[in-house]
Amino acid sequence: MNKYLPTLALGQATVAAGLRSDISLLLGIALFTALFVSIGNLVADTLYGVIDPRLTTGGS
């Protein structure tokens, strides 16, 4: 199952780390998730600007 859904293993690792009070693993997973989401948002914002040139970074 982990071959097709690797995020399931990440969730199980998070729960196991929480139950074992493994703070370093929890912080590592949180950092990885935050970086992944931030980079994804940056890529999406950049692509929106390329796809639709009406979108600008300025005000009105």
PDB file of N, CA and C in Angstrom:
ATOM      1  N   MET A   1       0.822  -1.193   0.000  1.00  0.00           N
ATOM      2  CA  MET A   1       0.000   0.000   0.000  1.00  0.00           C
ATOM      3  C   MET A   1       0.868   1.261   0.000  1.00  0.00           C
ATOM      4  N   ASN A   2       1.993   1.228   0.692  1.00  0.00           N
ATOM      5  CA  ASN A   2       2.868   2.404   0.739  1.00  0.00           C
ATOM      6  C   ASN A   2       3.484   2.715  -0.614  1.00  0.00           C
ATOM      7  N   LYS A   3       3.487   1.733  -1.505  1.00  0.00           N
ATOM      8  CA  LYS A   3       4.014   1.967  -2.845  1.00  0.00           C
ATOM      9  C   LYS A   3       3.140   2.971  -3.589  1.00  0.00           C
ATOM     10  N   TYR A   4       1.843   2.941  -3.364  1.00  0.00           N
ATOM     11  CA  TYR A   4       0.914   3.807  -4.082  1.00  0.00           C
ATOM     12  C   TYR A   4       0.487   5.023  -3.272  1.00  0.00           C
ATOM     13  N   LEU A   5       0.512   4.937  -1.975  1.00  0.00           N
ATOM     14  CA  LEU A   5       0.117   6.044  -1.102  1.00  0.00           C
ATOM     15  C   LEU A   5       1.195   6.311  -0.059  1.00  0.00           C
ATOM     16  N   PRO A   6       2.296   6.944  -0.438  1.00  0.00           N
ATOM     17  CA  PRO A   6       3.370   7.172   0.543  1.00  0.00           C
ATOM     18  C   PRO A   6       2.974   8.154   1.643  1.00  0.00           C
ATOM     19  N   THR A   7       1.955   9.000   1.407  1.00  0.00           N
ATOM     20  CA  THR A   7       1.540   9.931   2.451  1.00  0.00           C
ATOM     21  C   THR A   7       0.874   9.202   3.612  1.00  0.00           C
ATOM     22  N   LEU A   8       0.308   8.024   3.353  1.00  0.00           N
ATOM     23  CA  LEU A   8      -0.273   7.241   4.431  1.00  0.00           C
ATOM     24  C   LEU A   8       0.811   6.848   5.432  1.00  0.00           C
ATOM     25  N   ALA A   9       1.973   6.482   4.937  1.00  0.00           N
ATOM     26  CA  ALA A   9       3.081   6.122   5.822  1.00  0.00           C
ATOM     27  C   ALA A   9       3.547   7.329   6.622  1.00  0.00           C
ATOM     28  N   LEU A  10       3.500   8.510   6.028  1.00  0.00           N
ATOM     29  CA  LEU A  10       3.893   9.725   6.740  1.00  0.00           C
ATOM     30  C   LEU A  10       2.908  10.019   7.874  1.00  0.00           C
ATOM     31  N   GLY A  11       1.643   9.794   7.633  1.00  0.00           N
ATOM     32  CA  GLY A  11       0.639   9.985   8.680  1.00  0.00           C
ATOM     33  C   GLY A  11       0.817   8.990   9.819  1.00  0.00           C
ATOM     34  N   GLN A  12       1.093   7.757   9.470  1.00  0.00           N
ATOM     35  CA  GLN A  12       1.327   6.737  10.490  1.00  0.00           C
ATOM     36  C   GLN A  12       2.579   7.057  11.296  1.00  0.00           C
ATOM     37  N   ALA A  13       3.605   7.566  10.631  1.00  0.00           N
ATOM     38  CA  ALA A  13       4.833   7.944  11.332  1.00  0.00           C
ATOM     39  C   ALA A  13       4.575   9.110  12.278  1.00  0.00           C
ATOM     40  N   THR A  14       3.720  10.042  11.864  1.00  0.00           N
ATOM     41  CA  THR A  14       3.390  11.186  12.715  1.00  0.00           C
ATOM     42  C   THR A  14       2.655  10.731  13.972  1.00  0.00           C
ATOM     43  N   VAL A  15       1.682   9.864  13.795  1.00  0.00           N
ATOM     44  CA  VAL A  15       0.926   9.363  14.949  1.00  0.00           C
ATOM     45  C   VAL A  15       1.836   8.566  15.878  1.00  0.00           C
ATOM     46  N   ALA A  16       2.665   7.714  15.301  1.00  0.00           N
ATOM     47  CA  ALA A  16       3.579   6.916  16.125  1.00  0.00           C
ATOM     48  C   ALA A  16       4.554   7.808  16.884  1.00  0.00           C
ATOM     49  N   ALA A  17       5.057   8.851  16.226  1.00  0.00           N
ATOM     50  CA  ALA A  17       5.977   9.772  16.902  1.00  0.00           C
ATOM     51  C   ALA A  17       5.266  10.515  18.023  1.00  0.00           C
ATOM     52  N   GLY A  18       4.017  10.881  17.806  1.00  0.00           N
ATOM     53  CA  GLY A  18       3.258  11.554  18.854  1.00  0.00           C
ATOM     54  C   GLY A  18       3.016  10.656  20.057  1.00  0.00           C
ATOM     55  N   LEU A  19       2.704   9.402  19.792  1.00  0.00           N
ATOM     56  CA  LEU A  19       2.468   8.464  20.890  1.00  0.00           C
ATOM     57  C   LEU A  19       3.748   8.150  21.657  1.00  0.00           C
ATOM     58  N   ARG A  20       4.894   8.176  20.968  1.00  0.00           N
ATOM     59  CA  ARG A  20       6.182   7.910  21.620  1.00  0.00           C
ATOM     60  C   ARG A  20       6.829   9.172  22.168  1.00  0.00           C
ATOM     61  N   SER A  21       6.186  10.324  21.951  1.00  0.00           N
ATOM     62  CA  SER A  21       6.737  11.625  22.357  1.00  0.00           C
ATOM     63  C   SER A  21       8.084  11.890  21.695  1.00  0.00           C
ATOM     64  N   ASP A  22       8.197  11.517  20.428  1.00  0.00           N
ATOM     65  CA  ASP A  22       9.418  11.742  19.657  1.00  0.00           C
ATOM     66  C   ASP A  22       9.334  13.134  19.027  1.00  0.00           C
ATOM     67  N   ILE A  23       9.759  14.127  19.790  1.00  0.00           N
ATOM     68  CA  ILE A  23       9.618  15.527  19.385  1.00  0.00           C
ATOM     69  C   ILE A  23      10.445  15.837  18.142  1.00  0.00           C
ATOM     70  N   SER A  24      11.646  15.284  18.045  1.00  0.00           N
ATOM     71  CA  SER A  24      12.492  15.593  16.887  1.00  0.00           C
ATOM     72  C   SER A  24      11.860  15.096  15.589  1.00  0.00           C
ATOM     73  N   LEU A  25      11.246  13.928  15.607  1.00  0.00           N
ATOM     74  CA  LEU A  25      10.580  13.421  14.410  1.00  0.00           C
ATOM     75  C   LEU A  25       9.348  14.260  14.083  1.00  0.00           C
ATOM     76  N   LEU A  26       8.584  14.641  15.099  1.00  0.00           N
ATOM     77  CA  LEU A  26       7.412  15.493  14.867  1.00  0.00           C
ATOM     78  C   LEU A  26       7.807  16.838  14.265  1.00  0.00           C
ATOM     79  N   LEU A  27       8.874  17.434  14.778  1.00  0.00           N
ATOM     80  CA  LEU A  27       9.340  18.708  14.229  1.00  0.00           C
ATOM     81  C   LEU A  27       9.851  18.547  12.800  1.00  0.00           C
ATOM     82  N   GLY A  28      10.525  17.452  12.524  1.00  0.00           N
ATOM     83  CA  GLY A  28      11.001  17.192  11.168  1.00  0.00           C
ATOM     84  C   GLY A  28       9.859  17.029  10.181  1.00  0.00           C
ATOM     85  N   ILE A  29       8.828  16.299  10.579  1.00  0.00           N
ATOM     86  CA  ILE A  29       7.663  16.117   9.712  1.00  0.00           C
ATOM     87  C   ILE A  29       6.941  17.440   9.515  1.00  0.00           C
ATOM     88  N   ALA A  30       6.809  18.231  10.566  1.00  0.00           N
ATOM     89  CA  ALA A  30       6.147  19.537  10.448  1.00  0.00           C
ATOM     90  C   ALA A  30       6.941  20.466   9.535  1.00  0.00           C
ATOM     91  N   LEU A  31       8.264  20.464   9.661  1.00  0.00           N
ATOM     92  CA  LEU A  31       9.108  21.304   8.803  1.00  0.00           C
ATOM     93  C   LEU A  31       9.005  20.870   7.343  1.00  0.00           C
ATOM     94  N   PHE A  32       9.075  19.574   7.098  1.00  0.00           N
ATOM     95  CA  PHE A  32       8.952  19.050   5.739  1.00  0.00           C
ATOM     96  C   PHE A  32       7.600  19.425   5.137  1.00  0.00           C
ATOM     97  N   THR A  33       6.537  19.276   5.905  1.00  0.00           N
ATOM     98  CA  THR A  33       5.201  19.608   5.413  1.00  0.00           C
ATOM     99  C   THR A  33       5.079  21.095   5.121  1.00  0.00           C
ATOM    100  N   ALA A  34       5.590  21.932   6.010  1.00  0.00           N
ATOM    101  CA  ALA A  34       5.519  23.383   5.798  1.00  0.00           C
ATOM    102  C   ALA A  34       6.311  23.799   4.560  1.00  0.00           C
ATOM    103  N   LEU A  35       7.488  23.230   4.368  1.00  0.00           N
ATOM    104  CA  LEU A  35       8.285  23.537   3.176  1.00  0.00           C
ATOM    105  C   LEU A  35       7.585  23.075   1.906  1.00  0.00           C
ATOM    106  N   PHE A  36       7.018  21.890   1.944  1.00  0.00           N
ATOM    107  CA  PHE A  36       6.321  21.341   0.782  1.00  0.00           C
ATOM    108  C   PHE A  36       5.132  22.212   0.398  1.00  0.00           C
ATOM    109  N   VAL A  37       4.347  22.629   1.372  1.00  0.00           N
ATOM    110  CA  VAL A  37       3.185  23.481   1.104  1.00  0.00           C
ATOM    111  C   VAL A  37       3.624  24.858   0.626  1.00  0.00           C
ATOM    112  N   SER A  38       4.644  25.423   1.244  1.00  0.00           N
ATOM    113  CA  SER A  38       5.124  26.752   0.843  1.00  0.00           C
ATOM    114  C   SER A  38       5.659  26.753  -0.584  1.00  0.00           C
ATOM    115  N   ILE A  39       6.434  25.756  -0.930  1.00  0.00           N
ATOM    116  CA  ILE A  39       6.966  25.673  -2.293  1.00  0.00           C
ATOM    117  C   ILE A  39       5.835  25.439  -3.291  1.00  0.00           C
ATOM    118  N   GLY A  40       4.873  24.621  -2.925  1.00  0.00           N
ATOM    119  CA  GLY A  40       3.721  24.400  -3.800  1.00  0.00           C
ATOM    120  C   GLY A  40       2.933  25.671  -4.038  1.00  0.00           C
ATOM    121  N   ASN A  41       2.728  26.461  -2.990  1.00  0.00           N
ATOM    122  CA  ASN A  41       2.018  27.735  -3.141  1.00  0.00           C
ATOM    123  C   ASN A  41       2.807  28.720  -3.990  1.00  0.00           C
ATOM    124  N   LEU A  42       4.115  28.758  -3.821  1.00  0.00           N
ATOM    125  CA  LEU A  42       4.952  29.645  -4.628  1.00  0.00           C
ATOM    126  C   LEU A  42       4.887  29.270  -6.107  1.00  0.00           C
ATOM    127  N   VAL A  43       4.950  27.984  -6.393  1.00  0.00           N
ATOM    128  CA  VAL A  43       4.851  27.517  -7.782  1.00  0.00           C
ATOM    129  C   VAL A  43       3.480  27.844  -8.359  1.00  0.00           C
ATOM    130  N   ALA A  44       2.423  27.619  -7.587  1.00  0.00           N
ATOM    131  CA  ALA A  44       1.072  27.914  -8.071  1.00  0.00           C
ATOM    132  C   ALA A  44       0.897  29.403  -8.346  1.00  0.00           C
ATOM    133  N   ASP A  45       1.370  30.257  -7.454  1.00  0.00           N
ATOM    134  CA  ASP A  45       1.261  31.705  -7.668  1.00  0.00           C
ATOM    135  C   ASP A  45       2.036  32.140  -8.907  1.00  0.00           C
ATOM    136  N   THR A  46       3.206  31.573  -9.100  1.00  0.00           N
ATOM    137  CA  THR A  46       4.006  31.914 -10.274  1.00  0.00           C
ATOM    138  C   THR A  46       3.312  31.464 -11.556  1.00  0.00           C
ATOM    139  N   LEU A  47       2.771  30.265 -11.547  1.00  0.00           N
ATOM    140  CA  LEU A  47       2.090  29.766 -12.742  1.00  0.00           C
ATOM    141  C   LEU A  47       0.818  30.548 -13.040  1.00  0.00           C
ATOM    142  N   TYR A  48       0.103  30.988 -12.007  1.00  0.00           N
ATOM    143  CA  TYR A  48      -1.086  31.815 -12.242  1.00  0.00           C
ATOM    144  C   TYR A  48      -0.702  33.095 -12.970  1.00  0.00           C
ATOM    145  N   GLY A  49       0.408  33.693 -12.597  1.00  0.00           N
ATOM    146  CA  GLY A  49       0.866  34.911 -13.265  1.00  0.00           C
ATOM    147  C   GLY A  49       1.269  34.670 -14.705  1.00  0.00           C
ATOM    148  N   VAL A  50       1.838  33.509 -14.978  1.00  0.00           N
ATOM    149  CA  VAL A  50       2.243  33.177 -16.349  1.00  0.00           C
ATOM    150  C   VAL A  50       1.023  32.854 -17.205  1.00  0.00           C
ATOM    151  N   ILE A  51       0.091  32.113 -16.643  1.00  0.00           N
ATOM    152  CA  ILE A  51      -1.090  31.688 -17.396  1.00  0.00           C
ATOM    153  C   ILE A  51      -2.038  32.852 -17.659  1.00  0.00           C
ATOM    154  N   ASP A  52      -2.262  33.691 -16.662  1.00  0.00           N
ATOM    155  CA  ASP A  52      -3.204  34.805 -16.797  1.00  0.00           C
ATOM    156  C   ASP A  52      -2.459  36.119 -16.556  1.00  0.00           C
ATOM    157  N   PRO A  53      -2.040  36.802 -17.613  1.00  0.00           N
ATOM    158  CA  PRO A  53      -1.250  38.031 -17.446  1.00  0.00           C
ATOM    159  C   PRO A  53      -2.043  39.192 -16.841  1.00  0.00           C
ATOM    160  N   ARG A  54      -3.356  39.071 -16.714  1.00  0.00           N
ATOM    161  CA  ARG A  54      -4.144  40.131 -16.080  1.00  0.00           C
ATOM    162  C   ARG A  54      -3.859  40.219 -14.589  1.00  0.00           C
ATOM    163  N   LEU A  55      -3.364  39.156 -14.007  1.00  0.00           N
ATOM    164  CA  LEU A  55      -3.030  39.161 -12.588  1.00  0.00           C
ATOM    165  C   LEU A  55      -1.729  39.921 -12.389  1.00  0.00           C
ATOM    166  N   THR A  56      -1.760  40.891 -11.498  1.00  0.00           N
ATOM    167  CA  THR A  56      -0.559  41.676 -11.216  1.00  0.00           C
ATOM    168  C   THR A  56      -0.278  41.648  -9.730  1.00  0.00           C
ATOM    169  N   THR A  57       0.903  42.091  -9.360  1.00  0.00           N
ATOM    170  CA  THR A  57       1.268  42.126  -7.947  1.00  0.00           C
ATOM    171  C   THR A  57       0.940  43.470  -7.317  1.00  0.00           C
ATOM    172  N   GLY A  58       0.585  44.466  -8.117  1.00  0.00           N
ATOM    173  CA  GLY A  58       0.287  45.800  -7.595  1.00  0.00           C
ATOM    174  C   GLY A  58      -1.157  45.927  -7.143  1.00  0.00           C
ATOM    175  N   GLY A  59      -1.504  47.144  -6.755  1.00  0.00           N
ATOM    176  CA  GLY A  59      -2.870  47.439  -6.316  1.00  0.00           C
ATOM    177  C   GLY A  59      -3.812  47.553  -7.503  1.00  0.00           C
ATOM    178  N   SER A  60      -4.682  48.554  -7.455  1.00  0.00           N
ATOM    179  CA  SER A  60      -5.675  48.721  -8.519  1.00  0.00           C
ATOM    180  C   SER A  60      -4.994  49.194  -9.771  1.00  0.00           C
TER     181      SER A  60
END
